[in-house]
Protein backbone atom coordinates (compact mmCIF):
# COMPACT_ATOMS: atom_id res chain seq x y z
CA MET A 1 -7.39 3.66 3.10
CA LEU A 2 -8.18 -0.61 3.86
CA LYS A 3 -11.60 0.56 5.05
CA SER A 4 -12.39 2.47 1.14
CA SER A 5 -13.63 1.69 -1.58
CA ARG A 6 -9.51 2.64 -3.26
CA SER A 7 -8.20 -0.91 -1.62
CA ARG A 8 -9.21 -2.53 -3.89
CA HIS A 9 -7.17 -1.75 -6.78
CA THR A 10 -4.03 -2.22 -5.77
CA GLY A 11 -1.03 -1.73 -8.14
CA VAL A 12 3.51 -3.00 -8.26
CA THR A 13 5.16 0.47 -8.31
CA ARG A 14 8.20 0.72 -7.95
CA GLY A 15 8.41 4.32 -7.25
CA ILE A 16 7.80 4.48 -3.85
CA SER A 17 10.70 2.06 -2.80
CA GLY A 18 13.03 1.61 -5.62
CA ARG A 19 12.07 -2.37 -5.73
CA PRO A 20 8.83 -3.98 -6.58
CA ALA A 21 5.75 -4.06 -4.18
CA ARG A 22 2.18 -3.69 -4.30
CA GLY A 23 -0.48 -1.37 -2.13
CA ILE A 24 -3.07 1.18 -2.85
CA VAL A 25 -3.38 2.23 -6.06
CA ASN A 26 -2.28 6.29 -5.69
CA ARG A 27 -0.08 9.11 -6.97
CA MET A 28 2.64 7.88 -6.81
CA HIS A 29 2.07 4.60 -8.98
CA THR A 30 0.17 7.03 -11.03
CA GLU A 31 2.80 9.46 -12.06
CA VAL A 32 6.03 8.04 -10.18
CA ASP A 33 6.27 5.49 -11.95
CA ARG A 34 4.38 6.46 -14.98
CA PRO A 35 5.69 3.84 -17.69
CA ASN A 36 7.99 5.16 -19.42
CA ALA A 37 9.71 6.86 -16.37
CA PRO A 38 13.03 7.03 -15.67
CA ARG A 39 13.96 3.84 -13.01
CA PRO A 40 13.97 5.05 -9.51
CA PRO A 41 17.11 4.83 -7.59
CA ALA A 42 18.29 1.85 -5.76
CA TYR A 43 16.85 1.46 -2.15
CA PRO A 44 17.31 3.11 0.21
CA ILE A 45 17.55 5.80 -1.70
CA ALA A 46 13.93 5.74 -3.48
CA TYR A 47 12.72 4.77 -0.55
CA ASP A 48 13.92 7.88 1.64
CA ALA A 49 13.10 10.65 -0.88
CA GLY A 50 9.41 9.16 -1.33
CA LYS A 51 9.19 8.96 2.52
CA ALA A 52 10.31 13.53 2.34
CA LEU A 53 7.66 13.52 -0.05
CA ALA A 54 4.62 11.80 1.34
CA ALA A 55 5.71 13.27 4.42
CA ALA A 56 5.41 17.28 2.49
CA ALA A 57 2.78 16.13 1.17
CA ALA A 58 0.95 14.89 4.57
CA LYS A 59 1.63 18.40 5.64
CA GLN A 60 -0.54 19.50 3.58
CA GLY A 61 -3.29 17.47 4.56
CA ASN A 62 -2.23 14.70 1.31
CA ALA A 63 -2.08 11.78 1.54
CA GLU A 64 -1.34 10.64 -2.37
CA PHE A 65 2.25 10.13 -2.23
CA ALA A 66 2.20 7.91 1.43
CA ALA A 67 2.90 3.77 0.81
CA HIS A 68 -0.55 2.48 1.70
CA TRP A 69 0.95 -1.33 0.94
CA ALA A 70 -2.18 -3.73 0.03
CA GLY A 71 -2.04 -6.87 -1.50
CA GLN A 72 -4.93 -7.92 -4.03
CA GLY A 73 -6.98 -9.45 -0.72
CA ALA A 74 -6.87 -5.65 0.21
CA PRO A 75 -10.85 -5.16 0.62
CA LEU A 76 -10.99 -8.64 2.83
CA ALA A 77 -9.47 -7.60 5.72
CA ARG A 78 -12.36 -7.11 9.31
CA GLU A 79 -11.21 -4.54 11.79
CA MET A 80 -11.21 -6.48 14.69
CA PRO A 81 -8.06 -6.92 17.99
CA ALA A 82 -6.08 -9.13 16.69
CA SER A 83 -6.51 -12.03 18.81
CA ASP A 84 -9.66 -11.88 17.96
CA LEU A 85 -9.81 -12.16 13.88
CA VAL A 86 -6.39 -15.39 14.77
CA LYS A 87 -9.94 -17.26 16.20
CA ALA A 88 -12.12 -16.15 13.71
CA LEU A 89 -9.07 -17.77 11.53
CA ILE A 90 -8.93 -20.51 13.20
CA ARG A 91 -13.05 -21.18 13.51
CA GLU A 92 -13.52 -21.45 10.05
CA TRP A 93 -10.27 -23.13 8.68
CA GLN A 94 -11.57 -25.44 11.31
CA THR A 95 -15.16 -25.74 9.80
CA GLY A 96 -14.40 -25.24 6.49
CA ARG A 97 -15.83 -21.60 6.40
């Protein structure tokens, strides 16, 4: 999901865990946490129910109910080993690029 164009659209939802958290928008955001929907039960009840729903959907090849946690900078993610990323970030910080 981080590599997809969908990573450019994140939103905050309570539908996944019962607590507000930002992730890549999917059906958990748009259908479970839709406007005027009842507030989900407290954590961890909502989170456990969300995991069960995501697992059932995944068995059918559907990732629309998974928790794709991501911040607003998700499209800026770089695919590389963590050690290389840290070196690149330090180099960029030191050179201003």
